[in-house]
């Protein structure tokens, strides 16, 4: 879904010293779960659209 270019990835992780403190940050599981649910809902919507189109073709 989200395309990251190589340059974008590099700019985010310029220095090891900068990224070290953030790596100890606690992962917000509620937010991750919400993002995952949104992603799954979007996938289901796309699949439903494709099925509808295939049904119309048949």
Protein backbone atom coordinates (compact mmCIF):
# COMPACT_ATOMS: atom_id res chain seq x y z
CA UNK A 1 0.00 0.00 0.00
CA UNK A 2 2.44 2.65 1.18
CA UNK A 3 5.49 2.87 -1.03
CA UNK A 4 8.73 3.95 0.58
CA UNK A 5 11.58 4.98 -1.65
CA UNK A 6 15.12 4.06 -0.66
CA UNK A 7 15.97 7.70 -0.02
CA UNK A 8 13.04 8.19 2.34
CA UNK A 9 14.11 5.17 4.37
CA UNK A 10 17.67 6.42 4.57
CA UNK A 11 16.70 9.92 5.65
CA UNK A 12 14.65 8.51 8.52
CA UNK A 13 17.59 6.46 9.81
CA UNK A 14 20.51 8.84 9.30
CA UNK A 15 22.51 8.28 12.46
CA UNK A 16 22.65 5.31 14.80
CA UNK A 17 22.89 7.63 17.82
CA UNK A 18 19.64 9.31 16.82
CA UNK A 19 17.68 6.08 16.36
CA UNK A 20 18.95 4.37 19.52
CA UNK A 21 16.70 6.20 22.04
CA UNK A 22 13.59 5.75 19.91
CA UNK A 23 14.18 1.99 19.70
CA UNK A 24 13.54 1.74 23.44
CA UNK A 25 10.16 3.47 23.02
CA UNK A 26 7.23 1.27 24.02
CA UNK A 27 5.17 0.10 21.08
CA UNK A 28 1.60 1.38 21.31
CA UNK A 29 -0.24 -1.89 20.82
CA UNK A 30 -3.66 -0.23 20.82
CA UNK A 31 -2.60 2.00 17.94
CA UNK A 32 -1.03 -0.92 16.07
CA UNK A 33 -4.20 -2.95 16.53
CA UNK A 34 -6.33 -0.07 15.28
CA UNK A 35 -4.12 0.39 12.21
CA UNK A 36 -4.32 -3.36 11.52
CA UNK A 37 -8.12 -3.32 11.82
CA UNK A 38 -8.31 -0.37 9.42
CA UNK A 39 -6.03 -2.19 7.00
CA UNK A 40 -8.09 -5.39 7.16
CA UNK A 41 -11.33 -3.46 6.68
CA UNK A 42 -9.84 -1.78 3.60
CA UNK A 43 -8.76 -5.17 2.21
CA UNK A 44 -12.24 -6.61 2.75
CA UNK A 45 -13.75 -3.64 0.94
CA UNK A 46 -11.42 -4.12 -2.05
CA UNK A 47 -12.19 -7.86 -2.20
CA UNK A 48 -15.93 -7.17 -2.01
CA UNK A 49 -15.64 -4.70 -4.91
CA UNK A 50 -13.70 -7.22 -7.00
CA UNK A 51 -16.27 -9.95 -6.30
CA UNK A 52 -19.08 -7.60 -7.30
CA UNK A 53 -17.30 -6.75 -10.57
CA UNK A 54 -16.62 -10.42 -11.31
CA UNK A 55 -20.26 -11.26 -10.66
CA UNK A 56 -21.34 -8.57 -13.13
CA UNK A 57 -18.99 -9.93 -15.79
CA UNK A 58 -20.23 -13.51 -15.41
